[in-house]
Amino acid sequence: MPRRKQATDTPVVRRPPATTPEGREAQLVALATDLVEKRLRAGTATSAEVVTILKMGSETEKLQRAKLGLEAELLKVKRENYEAQTQSAEIYEQALKAFRSYQGVDEDEGL
């Protein structure tokens, strides 16, 4: 005879797998989080699970996440700055070539 679900069981929501690796990872993390929460409520969580959850809620962890976010933003700004400098250098070089051509200097002759 098949097992009956107990009244305390939460309904399982089946979702189709995500179409991107990032989405799939997010789904799996959500499932793992739900499982750990269920174990915590039932009192069957392992010590490693409890410690991991405690670390996630610590002020140090929150500060580290904020720091990582700011570092990522800084890298993005640095990259944009580098690209802008490269583009400015190209525009400057084109302007110099144009000025040389106005002076009648052939590009093959140089300065």
PDB file of N, CA and C in Angstrom:
ATOM      1  N   MET A   1       0.835  -1.169   0.000  1.00  0.00           N
ATOM      2  CA  MET A   1       0.000   0.000   0.000  1.00  0.00           C
ATOM      3  C   MET A   1       0.888   1.245   0.000  1.00  0.00           C
ATOM      4  N   PRO A   2       0.605   2.244  -0.860  1.00  0.00           N
ATOM      5  CA  PRO A   2       1.448   3.438  -0.929  1.00  0.00           C
ATOM      6  C   PRO A   2       1.337   4.280   0.338  1.00  0.00           C
ATOM      7  N   ARG A   3       2.464   4.952   0.629  1.00  0.00           N
ATOM      8  CA  ARG A   3       2.486   5.827   1.800  1.00  0.00           C
ATOM      9  C   ARG A   3       1.601   7.038   1.585  1.00  0.00           C
ATOM     10  N   ARG A   4       0.932   7.428   2.617  1.00  0.00           N
ATOM     11  CA  ARG A   4       0.123   8.630   2.549  1.00  0.00           C
ATOM     12  C   ARG A   4       0.945   9.808   3.048  1.00  0.00           C
ATOM     13  N   LYS A   5       0.691  10.945   2.474  1.00  0.00           N
ATOM     14  CA  LYS A   5       1.356  12.155   2.939  1.00  0.00           C
ATOM     15  C   LYS A   5       0.771  12.552   4.273  1.00  0.00           C
ATOM     16  N   GLN A   6       1.662  12.987   5.138  1.00  0.00           N
ATOM     17  CA  GLN A   6       1.188  13.481   6.421  1.00  0.00           C
ATOM     18  C   GLN A   6       0.641  14.881   6.226  1.00  0.00           C
ATOM     19  N   ALA A   7      -0.187  15.307   7.145  1.00  0.00           N
ATOM     20  CA  ALA A   7      -0.811  16.622   7.045  1.00  0.00           C
ATOM     21  C   ALA A   7       0.214  17.742   7.174  1.00  0.00           C
ATOM     22  N   THR A   8       1.378  17.457   7.800  1.00  0.00           N
ATOM     23  CA  THR A   8       2.383  18.497   7.999  1.00  0.00           C
ATOM     24  C   THR A   8       3.266  18.691   6.780  1.00  0.00           C
ATOM     25  N   ASP A   9       3.217  17.760   5.832  1.00  0.00           N
ATOM     26  CA  ASP A   9       4.024  17.909   4.618  1.00  0.00           C
ATOM     27  C   ASP A   9       3.557  19.107   3.813  1.00  0.00           C
ATOM     28  N   THR A  10       4.514  19.881   3.339  1.00  0.00           N
ATOM     29  CA  THR A  10       4.165  21.012   2.477  1.00  0.00           C
ATOM     30  C   THR A  10       4.035  20.517   1.055  1.00  0.00           C
ATOM     31  N   PRO A  11       3.136  21.099   0.290  1.00  0.00           N
ATOM     32  CA  PRO A  11       2.969  20.650  -1.091  1.00  0.00           C
ATOM     33  C   PRO A  11       4.229  20.946  -1.901  1.00  0.00           C
ATOM     34  N   VAL A  12       4.580  20.004  -2.753  1.00  0.00           N
ATOM     35  CA  VAL A  12       5.767  20.154  -3.589  1.00  0.00           C
ATOM     36  C   VAL A  12       5.364  20.851  -4.882  1.00  0.00           C
ATOM     37  N   VAL A  13       6.010  21.951  -5.170  1.00  0.00           N
ATOM     38  CA  VAL A  13       5.726  22.698  -6.383  1.00  0.00           C
ATOM     39  C   VAL A  13       6.769  22.299  -7.419  1.00  0.00           C
ATOM     40  N   ARG A  14       6.304  21.724  -8.495  1.00  0.00           N
ATOM     41  CA  ARG A  14       7.211  21.317  -9.573  1.00  0.00           C
ATOM     42  C   ARG A  14       7.325  22.447 -10.573  1.00  0.00           C
ATOM     43  N   ARG A  15       8.547  22.862 -10.815  1.00  0.00           N
ATOM     44  CA  ARG A  15       8.791  23.902 -11.807  1.00  0.00           C
ATOM     45  C   ARG A  15       9.670  23.319 -12.893  1.00  0.00           C
ATOM     46  N   PRO A  16       9.506  23.782 -14.112  1.00  0.00           N
ATOM     47  CA  PRO A  16      10.381  23.284 -15.173  1.00  0.00           C
ATOM     48  C   PRO A  16      11.807  23.783 -14.932  1.00  0.00           C
ATOM     49  N   PRO A  17      12.802  23.025 -15.376  1.00  0.00           N
ATOM     50  CA  PRO A  17      14.181  23.472 -15.188  1.00  0.00           C
ATOM     51  C   PRO A  17      14.422  24.795 -15.908  1.00  0.00           C
ATOM     52  N   ALA A  18      15.275  25.603 -15.336  1.00  0.00           N
ATOM     53  CA  ALA A  18      15.595  26.897 -15.935  1.00  0.00           C
ATOM     54  C   ALA A  18      16.319  26.697 -17.258  1.00  0.00           C
ATOM     55  N   THR A  19      16.255  27.707 -18.099  1.00  0.00           N
ATOM     56  CA  THR A  19      16.875  27.600 -19.425  1.00  0.00           C
ATOM     57  C   THR A  19      18.330  28.059 -19.426  1.00  0.00           C
ATOM     58  N   THR A  20      18.757  28.723 -18.362  1.00  0.00           N
ATOM     59  CA  THR A  20      20.143  29.182 -18.291  1.00  0.00           C
ATOM     60  C   THR A  20      20.842  28.504 -17.123  1.00  0.00           C
ATOM     61  N   PRO A  21      22.164  28.358 -17.206  1.00  0.00           N
ATOM     62  CA  PRO A  21      22.897  27.761 -16.081  1.00  0.00           C
ATOM     63  C   PRO A  21      22.732  28.572 -14.789  1.00  0.00           C
ATOM     64  N   GLU A  22      22.668  29.888 -14.905  1.00  0.00           N
ATOM     65  CA  GLU A  22      22.518  30.730 -13.718  1.00  0.00           C
ATOM     66  C   GLU A  22      21.151  30.510 -13.073  1.00  0.00           C
ATOM     67  N   GLY A  23      20.132  30.396 -13.907  1.00  0.00           N
ATOM     68  CA  GLY A  23      18.792  30.142 -13.398  1.00  0.00           C
ATOM     69  C   GLY A  23      18.691  28.781 -12.746  1.00  0.00           C
ATOM     70  N   ARG A  24      19.327  27.802 -13.348  1.00  0.00           N
ATOM     71  CA  ARG A  24      19.314  26.448 -12.787  1.00  0.00           C
ATOM     72  C   ARG A  24      20.024  26.431 -11.440  1.00  0.00           C
ATOM     73  N   GLU A  25      21.135  27.122 -11.368  1.00  0.00           N
ATOM     74  CA  GLU A  25      21.873  27.204 -10.102  1.00  0.00           C
ATOM     75  C   GLU A  25      21.004  27.854  -9.023  1.00  0.00           C
ATOM     76  N   ALA A  26      20.292  28.905  -9.389  1.00  0.00           N
ATOM     77  CA  ALA A  26      19.413  29.578  -8.434  1.00  0.00           C
ATOM     78  C   ALA A  26      18.312  28.636  -7.957  1.00  0.00           C
ATOM     79  N   GLN A  27      17.771  27.829  -8.860  1.00  0.00           N
ATOM     80  CA  GLN A  27      16.739  26.866  -8.477  1.00  0.00           C
ATOM     81  C   GLN A  27      17.282  25.839  -7.491  1.00  0.00           C
ATOM     82  N   LEU A  28      18.481  25.329  -7.770  1.00  0.00           N
ATOM     83  CA  LEU A  28      19.062  24.321  -6.894  1.00  0.00           C
ATOM     84  C   LEU A  28      19.397  24.892  -5.521  1.00  0.00           C
ATOM     85  N   VAL A  29      19.888  26.113  -5.495  1.00  0.00           N
ATOM     86  CA  VAL A  29      20.183  26.768  -4.219  1.00  0.00           C
ATOM     87  C   VAL A  29      18.894  26.955  -3.418  1.00  0.00           C
ATOM     88  N   ALA A  30      17.831  27.337  -4.097  1.00  0.00           N
ATOM     89  CA  ALA A  30      16.548  27.505  -3.416  1.00  0.00           C
ATOM     90  C   ALA A  30      16.046  26.177  -2.842  1.00  0.00           C
ATOM     91  N   LEU A  31      16.207  25.108  -3.613  1.00  0.00           N
ATOM     92  CA  LEU A  31      15.790  23.791  -3.118  1.00  0.00           C
ATOM     93  C   LEU A  31      16.613  23.376  -1.899  1.00  0.00           C
ATOM     94  N   ALA A  32      17.926  23.586  -1.972  1.00  0.00           N
ATOM     95  CA  ALA A  32      18.794  23.229  -0.851  1.00  0.00           C
ATOM     96  C   ALA A  32      18.452  24.055   0.386  1.00  0.00           C
ATOM     97  N   THR A  33      18.172  25.335   0.185  1.00  0.00           N
ATOM     98  CA  THR A  33      17.791  26.203   1.305  1.00  0.00           C
ATOM     99  C   THR A  33      16.494  25.722   1.934  1.00  0.00           C
ATOM    100  N   ASP A  34      15.530  25.355   1.102  1.00  0.00           N
ATOM    101  CA  ASP A  34      14.259  24.837   1.615  1.00  0.00           C
ATOM    102  C   ASP A  34      14.463  23.556   2.424  1.00  0.00           C
ATOM    103  N   LEU A  35      15.352  22.684   1.919  1.00  0.00           N
ATOM    104  CA  LEU A  35      15.615  21.422   2.609  1.00  0.00           C
ATOM    105  C   LEU A  35      16.266  21.661   3.967  1.00  0.00           C
ATOM    106  N   VAL A  36      17.235  22.563   4.006  1.00  0.00           N
ATOM    107  CA  VAL A  36      17.901  22.870   5.279  1.00  0.00           C
ATOM    108  C   VAL A  36      16.905  23.502   6.246  1.00  0.00           C
ATOM    109  N   GLU A  37      16.046  24.368   5.739  1.00  0.00           N
ATOM    110  CA  GLU A  37      15.028  24.975   6.605  1.00  0.00           C
ATOM    111  C   GLU A  37      14.109  23.895   7.198  1.00  0.00           C
ATOM    112  N   LYS A  38      13.726  22.962   6.361  1.00  0.00           N
ATOM    113  CA  LYS A  38      12.859  21.876   6.827  1.00  0.00           C
ATOM    114  C   LYS A  38      13.570  21.060   7.909  1.00  0.00           C
ATOM    115  N   ARG A  39      14.850  20.779   7.707  1.00  0.00           N
ATOM    116  CA  ARG A  39      15.616  20.016   8.693  1.00  0.00           C
ATOM    117  C   ARG A  39      15.787  20.808   9.994  1.00  0.00           C
ATOM    118  N   LEU A  40      16.006  22.108   9.877  1.00  0.00           N
ATOM    119  CA  LEU A  40      16.134  22.935  11.077  1.00  0.00           C
ATOM    120  C   LEU A  40      14.847  22.909  11.895  1.00  0.00           C
ATOM    121  N   ARG A  41      13.719  23.041  11.206  1.00  0.00           N
ATOM    122  CA  ARG A  41      12.426  23.032  11.901  1.00  0.00           C
ATOM    123  C   ARG A  41      12.146  21.676  12.552  1.00  0.00           C
ATOM    124  N   ALA A  42      12.592  20.613  11.893  1.00  0.00           N
ATOM    125  CA  ALA A  42      12.360  19.268  12.426  1.00  0.00           C
ATOM    126  C   ALA A  42      13.398  18.894  13.484  1.00  0.00           C
ATOM    127  N   GLY A  43      14.457  19.673  13.594  1.00  0.00           N
ATOM    128  CA  GLY A  43      15.502  19.369  14.567  1.00  0.00           C
ATOM    129  C   GLY A  43      16.465  18.300  14.105  1.00  0.00           C
ATOM    130  N   THR A  44      16.525  18.040  12.799  1.00  0.00           N
ATOM    131  CA  THR A  44      17.401  16.989  12.279  1.00  0.00           C
ATOM    132  C   THR A  44      18.563  17.547  11.463  1.00  0.00           C
ATOM    133  N   ALA A  45      18.781  18.864  11.510  1.00  0.00           N
ATOM    134  CA  ALA A  45      19.859  19.470  10.732  1.00  0.00           C
ATOM    135  C   ALA A  45      21.207  19.065  11.311  1.00  0.00           C
ATOM    136  N   THR A  46      22.185  18.883  10.443  1.00  0.00           N
ATOM    137  CA  THR A  46      23.529  18.553  10.905  1.00  0.00           C
ATOM    138  C   THR A  46      24.191  19.799  11.462  1.00  0.00           C
ATOM    139  N   SER A  47      25.258  19.599  12.189  1.00  0.00           N
ATOM    140  CA  SER A  47      25.966  20.744  12.769  1.00  0.00           C
ATOM    141  C   SER A  47      26.548  21.627  11.664  1.00  0.00           C
ATOM    142  N   ALA A  48      26.982  21.018  10.559  1.00  0.00           N
ATOM    143  CA  ALA A  48      27.534  21.798   9.440  1.00  0.00           C
ATOM    144  C   ALA A  48      26.452  22.697   8.832  1.00  0.00           C
ATOM    145  N   GLU A  49      25.245  22.178   8.715  1.00  0.00           N
ATOM    146  CA  GLU A  49      24.151  22.985   8.169  1.00  0.00           C
ATOM    147  C   GLU A  49      23.825  24.155   9.094  1.00  0.00           C
ATOM    148  N   VAL A  50      23.808  23.892  10.387  1.00  0.00           N
ATOM    149  CA  VAL A  50      23.499  24.942  11.346  1.00  0.00           C
ATOM    150  C   VAL A  50      24.576  26.023  11.305  1.00  0.00           C
ATOM    151  N   VAL A  51      25.844  25.614  11.292  1.00  0.00           N
ATOM    152  CA  VAL A  51      26.942  26.577  11.261  1.00  0.00           C
ATOM    153  C   VAL A  51      26.891  27.400   9.982  1.00  0.00           C
ATOM    154  N   THR A  52      26.601  26.777   8.854  1.00  0.00           N
ATOM    155  CA  THR A  52      26.521  27.500   7.582  1.00  0.00           C
ATOM    156  C   THR A  52      25.423  28.554   7.630  1.00  0.00           C
ATOM    157  N   ILE A  53      24.276  28.196   8.170  1.00  0.00           N
ATOM    158  CA  ILE A  53      23.175  29.150   8.262  1.00  0.00           C
ATOM    159  C   ILE A  53      23.539  30.288   9.204  1.00  0.00           C
ATOM    160  N   LEU A  54      24.180  29.969  10.318  1.00  0.00           N
ATOM    161  CA  LEU A  54      24.595  31.011  11.259  1.00  0.00           C
ATOM    162  C   LEU A  54      25.599  31.972  10.616  1.00  0.00           C
ATOM    163  N   LYS A  55      26.516  31.424   9.838  1.00  0.00           N
ATOM    164  CA  LYS A  55      27.500  32.280   9.161  1.00  0.00           C
ATOM    165  C   LYS A  55      26.823  33.194   8.146  1.00  0.00           C
ATOM    166  N   MET A  56      25.818  32.669   7.452  1.00  0.00           N
ATOM    167  CA  MET A  56      25.114  33.467   6.450  1.00  0.00           C
ATOM    168  C   MET A  56      24.466  34.696   7.082  1.00  0.00           C
ATOM    169  N   GLY A  57      24.033  34.573   8.316  1.00  0.00           N
ATOM    170  CA  GLY A  57      23.352  35.668   8.987  1.00  0.00           C
ATOM    171  C   GLY A  57      24.270  36.586   9.773  1.00  0.00           C
ATOM    172  N   SER A  58      25.571  36.285   9.795  1.00  0.00           N
ATOM    173  CA  SER A  58      26.481  37.096  10.606  1.00  0.00           C
ATOM    174  C   SER A  58      26.770  38.439   9.934  1.00  0.00           C
ATOM    175  N   GLU A  59      27.119  39.400  10.753  1.00  0.00           N
ATOM    176  CA  GLU A  59      27.440  40.750  10.268  1.00  0.00           C
ATOM    177  C   GLU A  59      28.676  40.711   9.374  1.00  0.00           C
ATOM    178  N   THR A  60      29.650  39.883   9.722  1.00  0.00           N
ATOM    179  CA  THR A  60      30.864  39.763   8.918  1.00  0.00           C
ATOM    180  C   THR A  60      30.547  39.297   7.507  1.00  0.00           C
ATOM    181  N   GLU A  61      29.679  38.309   7.399  1.00  0.00           N
ATOM    182  CA  GLU A  61      29.292  37.792   6.081  1.00  0.00           C
ATOM    183  C   GLU A  61      28.586  38.865   5.264  1.00  0.00           C
ATOM    184  N   LYS A  62      27.711  39.622   5.913  1.00  0.00           N
ATOM    185  CA  LYS A  62      27.005  40.696   5.209  1.00  0.00           C
ATOM    186  C   LYS A  62      27.978  41.750   4.713  1.00  0.00           C
ATOM    187  N   LEU A  63      28.958  42.089   5.541  1.00  0.00           N
ATOM    188  CA  LEU A  63      29.960  43.080   5.137  1.00  0.00           C
ATOM    189  C   LEU A  63      30.821  42.555   3.989  1.00  0.00           C
ATOM    190  N   GLN A  64      31.163  41.273   4.033  1.00  0.00           N
ATOM    191  CA  GLN A  64      31.952  40.683   2.950  1.00  0.00           C
ATOM    192  C   GLN A  64      31.173  40.695   1.637  1.00  0.00           C
ATOM    193  N   ARG A  65      29.894  40.409   1.702  1.00  0.00           N
ATOM    194  CA  ARG A  65      29.068  40.450   0.481  1.00  0.00           C
ATOM    195  C   ARG A  65      28.994  41.865  -0.075  1.00  0.00           C
ATOM    196  N   ALA A  66      28.830  42.841   0.820  1.00  0.00           N
ATOM    197  CA  ALA A  66      28.780  44.238   0.380  1.00  0.00           C
ATOM    198  C   ALA A  66      30.111  44.640  -0.234  1.00  0.00           C
ATOM    199  N   LYS A  67      31.205  44.206   0.376  1.00  0.00           N
ATOM    200  CA  LYS A  67      32.540  44.519  -0.144  1.00  0.00           C
ATOM    201  C   LYS A  67      32.730  43.915  -1.531  1.00  0.00           C
ATOM    202  N   LEU A  68      32.316  42.674  -1.703  1.00  0.00           N
ATOM    203  CA  LEU A  68      32.435  42.032  -3.013  1.00  0.00           C
ATOM    204  C   LEU A  68      31.621  42.769  -4.071  1.00  0.00           C
ATOM    205  N   GLY A  69      30.436  43.221  -3.691  1.00  0.00           N
ATOM    206  CA  GLY A  69      29.611  43.979  -4.631  1.00  0.00           C
ATOM    207  C   GLY A  69      30.278  45.279  -5.037  1.00  0.00           C
ATOM    208  N   LEU A  70      30.861  45.972  -4.062  1.00  0.00           N
ATOM    209  CA  LEU A  70      31.549  47.226  -4.364  1.00  0.00           C
ATOM    210  C   LEU A  70      32.803  46.998  -5.205  1.00  0.00           C
ATOM    211  N   GLU A  71      33.522  45.908  -4.928  1.00  0.00           N
ATOM    212  CA  GLU A  71      34.706  45.586  -5.727  1.00  0.00           C
ATOM    213  C   GLU A  71      34.318  45.274  -7.169  1.00  0.00           C
ATOM    214  N   ALA A  72      33.226  44.570  -7.352  1.00  0.00           N
ATOM    215  CA  ALA A  72      32.755  44.267  -8.704  1.00  0.00           C
ATOM    216  C   ALA A  72      32.389  45.554  -9.434  1.00  0.00           C
ATOM    217  N   GLU A  73      31.733  46.459  -8.724  1.00  0.00           N
ATOM    218  CA  GLU A  73      31.369  47.750  -9.322  1.00  0.00           C
ATOM    219  C   GLU A  73      32.617  48.552  -9.677  1.00  0.00           C
ATOM    220  N   LEU A  74      33.624  48.527  -8.799  1.00  0.00           N
ATOM    221  CA  LEU A  74      34.875  49.233  -9.064  1.00  0.00           C
ATOM    222  C   LEU A  74      35.565  48.675 -10.305  1.00  0.00           C
ATOM    223  N   LEU A  75      35.601  47.360 -10.437  1.00  0.00           N
ATOM    224  CA  LEU A  75      36.206  46.748 -11.623  1.00  0.00           C
ATOM    225  C   LEU A  75      35.464  47.149 -12.892  1.00  0.00           C
ATOM    226  N   LYS A  76      34.155  47.235 -12.800  1.00  0.00           N
ATOM    227  CA  LYS A  76      33.358  47.645 -13.959  1.00  0.00           C
ATOM    228  C   LYS A  76      33.704  49.075 -14.366  1.00  0.00           C
ATOM    229  N   VAL A  77      33.818  49.958 -13.381  1.00  0.00           N
ATOM    230  CA  VAL A  77      34.153  51.356 -13.658  1.00  0.00           C
ATOM    231  C   VAL A  77      35.556  51.460 -14.243  1.00  0.00           C
ATOM    232  N   LYS A  78      36.495  50.676 -13.705  1.00  0.00           N
ATOM    233  CA  LYS A  78      37.862  50.697 -14.230  1.00  0.00           C
ATOM    234  C   LYS A  78      37.890  50.228 -15.683  1.00  0.00           C
ATOM    235  N   ARG A  79      37.118  49.210 -15.981  1.00  0.00           N
ATOM    236  CA  ARG A  79      37.070  48.705 -17.361  1.00  0.00           C
ATOM    237  C   ARG A  79      36.491  49.764 -18.297  1.00  0.00           C
ATOM    238  N   GLU A  80      35.405  50.403 -17.866  1.00  0.00           N
ATOM    239  CA  GLU A  80      34.799  51.455 -18.686  1.00  0.00           C
ATOM    240  C   GLU A  80      35.778  52.607 -18.886  1.00  0.00           C
ATOM    241  N   ASN A  81      36.527  52.934 -17.850  1.00  0.00           N
ATOM    242  CA  ASN A  81      37.542  53.985 -17.933  1.00  0.00           C
ATOM    243  C   ASN A  81      38.617  53.620 -18.950  1.00  0.00           C
ATOM    244  N   TYR A  82      39.075  52.371 -18.886  1.00  0.00           N
ATOM    245  CA  TYR A  82      40.104  51.904 -19.813  1.00  0.00           C
ATOM    246  C   TYR A  82      39.600  51.969 -21.251  1.00  0.00           C
ATOM    247  N   GLU A  83      38.374  51.521 -21.467  1.00  0.00           N
ATOM    248  CA  GLU A  83      37.803  51.547 -22.816  1.00  0.00           C
ATOM    249  C   GLU A  83      37.662  52.977 -23.317  1.00  0.00           C
ATOM    250  N   ALA A  84      37.276  53.894 -22.432  1.00  0.00           N
ATOM    251  CA  ALA A  84      37.155  55.299 -22.821  1.00  0.00           C
ATOM    252  C   ALA A  84      38.514  55.884 -23.168  1.00  0.00           C
ATOM    253  N   GLN A  85      39.552  55.529 -22.405  1.00  0.00           N
ATOM    254  CA  GLN A  85      40.897  56.015 -22.695  1.00  0.00           C
ATOM    255  C   GLN A  85      41.393  55.475 -24.037  1.00  0.00           C
ATOM    256  N   THR A  86      41.114  54.205 -24.297  1.00  0.00           N
ATOM    257  CA  THR A  86      41.515  53.601 -25.567  1.00  0.00           C
ATOM    258  C   THR A  86      40.815  54.304 -26.724  1.00  0.00           C
ATOM    259  N   GLN A  87      39.542  54.577 -26.557  1.00  0.00           N
ATOM    260  CA  GLN A  87      38.777  55.261 -27.598  1.00  0.00           C
ATOM    261  C   GLN A  87      39.309  56.684 -27.785  1.00  0.00           C
ATOM    262  N   SER A  88      39.648  57.362 -26.696  1.00  0.00           N
ATOM    263  CA  SER A  88      40.198  58.721 -26.790  1.00  0.00           C
ATOM    264  C   SER A  88      41.531  58.715 -27.522  1.00  0.00           C
ATOM    265  N   ALA A  89      42.350  57.710 -27.264  1.00  0.00           N
ATOM    266  CA  ALA A  89      43.646  57.605 -27.934  1.00  0.00           C
ATOM    267  C   ALA A  89      43.457  57.400 -29.436  1.00  0.00           C
ATOM    268  N   GLU A  90      42.478  56.604 -29.805  1.00  0.00           N
ATOM    269  CA  GLU A  90      42.207  56.373 -31.225  1.00  0.00           C
ATOM    270  C   GLU A  90      41.719  57.660 -31.895  1.00  0.00           C
ATOM    271  N   ILE A  91      40.844  58.386 -31.227  1.00  0.00           N
ATOM    272  CA  ILE A  91      40.338  59.644 -31.771  1.00  0.00           C
ATOM    273  C   ILE A  91      41.478  60.656 -31.906  1.00  0.00           C
ATOM    274  N   TYR A  92      42.351  60.702 -30.899  1.00  0.00           N
ATOM    275  CA  TYR A  92      43.510  61.606 -30.932  1.00  0.00           C
ATOM    276  C   TYR A  92      44.417  61.270 -32.107  1.00  0.00           C
ATOM    277  N   GLU A  93      44.667  59.990 -32.331  1.00  0.00           N
ATOM    278  CA  GLU A  93      45.520  59.565 -33.444  1.00  0.00           C
ATOM    279  C   GLU A  93      44.879  59.932 -34.786  1.00  0.00           C
ATOM    280  N   GLN A  94      43.580  59.770 -34.904  1.00  0.00           N
ATOM    281  CA  GLN A  94      42.891  60.151 -36.140  1.00  0.00           C
ATOM    282  C   GLN A  94      42.982  61.656 -36.363  1.00  0.00           C
ATOM    283  N   ALA A  95      42.866  62.419 -35.287  1.00  0.00           N
ATOM    284  CA  ALA A  95      42.974  63.883 -35.411  1.00  0.00           C
ATOM    285  C   ALA A  95      44.372  64.277 -35.861  1.00  0.00           C
ATOM    286  N   LEU A  96      45.403  63.641 -35.316  1.00  0.00           N
ATOM    287  CA  LEU A  96      46.779  63.945 -35.732  1.00  0.00           C
ATOM    288  C   LEU A  96      46.988  63.628 -37.213  1.00  0.00           C
ATOM    289  N   LYS A  97      46.446  62.513 -37.665  1.00  0.00           N
ATOM    290  CA  LYS A  97      46.564  62.154 -39.081  1.00  0.00           C
ATOM    291  C   LYS A  97      45.870  63.197 -39.955  1.00  0.00           C
ATOM    292  N   ALA A  98      44.719  63.652 -39.504  1.00  0.00           N
ATOM    293  CA  ALA A  98      43.988  64.671 -40.263  1.00  0.00           C
ATOM    294  C   ALA A  98      44.795  65.968 -40.325  1.00  0.00           C
ATOM    295  N   PHE A  99      45.380  66.396 -39.198  1.00  0.00           N
ATOM    296  CA  PHE A  99      46.193  67.611 -39.189  1.00  0.00           C
ATOM    297  C   PHE A  99      47.397  67.475 -40.112  1.00  0.00           C
ATOM    298  N   ARG A 100      48.026  66.309 -40.116  1.00  0.00           N
ATOM    299  CA  ARG A 100      49.182  66.094 -40.997  1.00  0.00           C
ATOM    300  C   ARG A 100      48.764  66.190 -42.460  1.00  0.00           C
ATOM    301  N   SER A 101      47.580  65.635 -42.751  1.00  0.00           N
ATOM    302  CA  SER A 101      47.136  65.688 -44.144  1.00  0.00           C
ATOM    303  C   SER A 101      46.822  67.127 -44.557  1.00  0.00           C
ATOM    304  N   TYR A 102      46.333  67.957 -43.607  1.00  0.00           N
ATOM    305  CA  TYR A 102      46.073  69.370 -43.912  1.00  0.00           C
ATOM    306  C   TYR A 102      47.370  70.111 -44.190  1.00  0.00           C
ATOM    307  N   GLN A 103      48.465  69.681 -43.559  1.00  0.00           N
ATOM    308  CA  GLN A 103      49.761  70.338 -43.742  1.00  0.00           C
ATOM    309  C   GLN A 103      50.460  69.830 -45.001  1.00  0.00           C
ATOM    310  N   GLY A 104      49.910  68.826 -45.589  1.00  0.00           N
ATOM    311  CA  GLY A 104      50.514  68.283 -46.807  1.00  0.00           C
ATOM    312  C   GLY A 104      51.568  67.245 -46.526  1.00  0.00           C
ATOM    313  N   VAL A 105      51.638  66.759 -45.308  1.00  0.00           N
ATOM    314  CA  VAL A 105      52.623  65.733 -44.948  1.00  0.00           C
ATOM    315  C   VAL A 105      52.035  64.387 -45.323  1.00  0.00           C
ATOM    316  N   ASP A 106      52.815  63.604 -46.075  1.00  0.00           N
ATOM    317  CA  ASP A 106      52.371  62.289 -46.478  1.00  0.00           C
ATOM    318  C   ASP A 106      52.514  61.336 -45.296  1.00  0.00           C
ATOM    319  N   GLU A 107      51.594  60.403 -45.138  1.00  0.00           N
ATOM    320  CA  GLU A 107      51.637  59.482 -44.006  1.00  0.00           C
ATOM    321  C   GLU A 107      52.870  58.613 -44.022  1.00  0.00           C
ATOM    322  N   ASP A 108      53.405  58.301 -45.198  1.00  0.00           N
ATOM    323  CA  ASP A 108      54.577  57.454 -45.310  1.00  0.00           C
ATOM    324  C   ASP A 108      55.844  58.182 -44.877  1.00  0.00           C
ATOM    325  N   GLU A 109      55.848  59.506 -44.949  1.00  0.00           N
ATOM    326  CA  GLU A 109      57.042  60.286 -44.581  1.00  0.00           C
ATOM    327  C   GLU A 109      57.205  60.371 -43.074  1.00  0.00           C
ATOM    328  N   GLY A 110      56.142  60.351 -42.346  1.00  0.00           N
ATOM    329  CA  GLY A 110      56.219  60.492 -40.889  1.00  0.00           C
ATOM    330  C   GLY A 110      56.355  61.933 -40.504  1.00  0.00           C
ATOM    331  N   LEU A 111      56.921  62.195 -39.294  1.00  0.00           N
ATOM    332  CA  LEU A 111      57.085  63.562 -38.816  1.00  0.00           C
ATOM    333  C   LEU A 111      58.320  64.178 -39.289  1.00  0.00           C
TER     334      LEU A 111
END
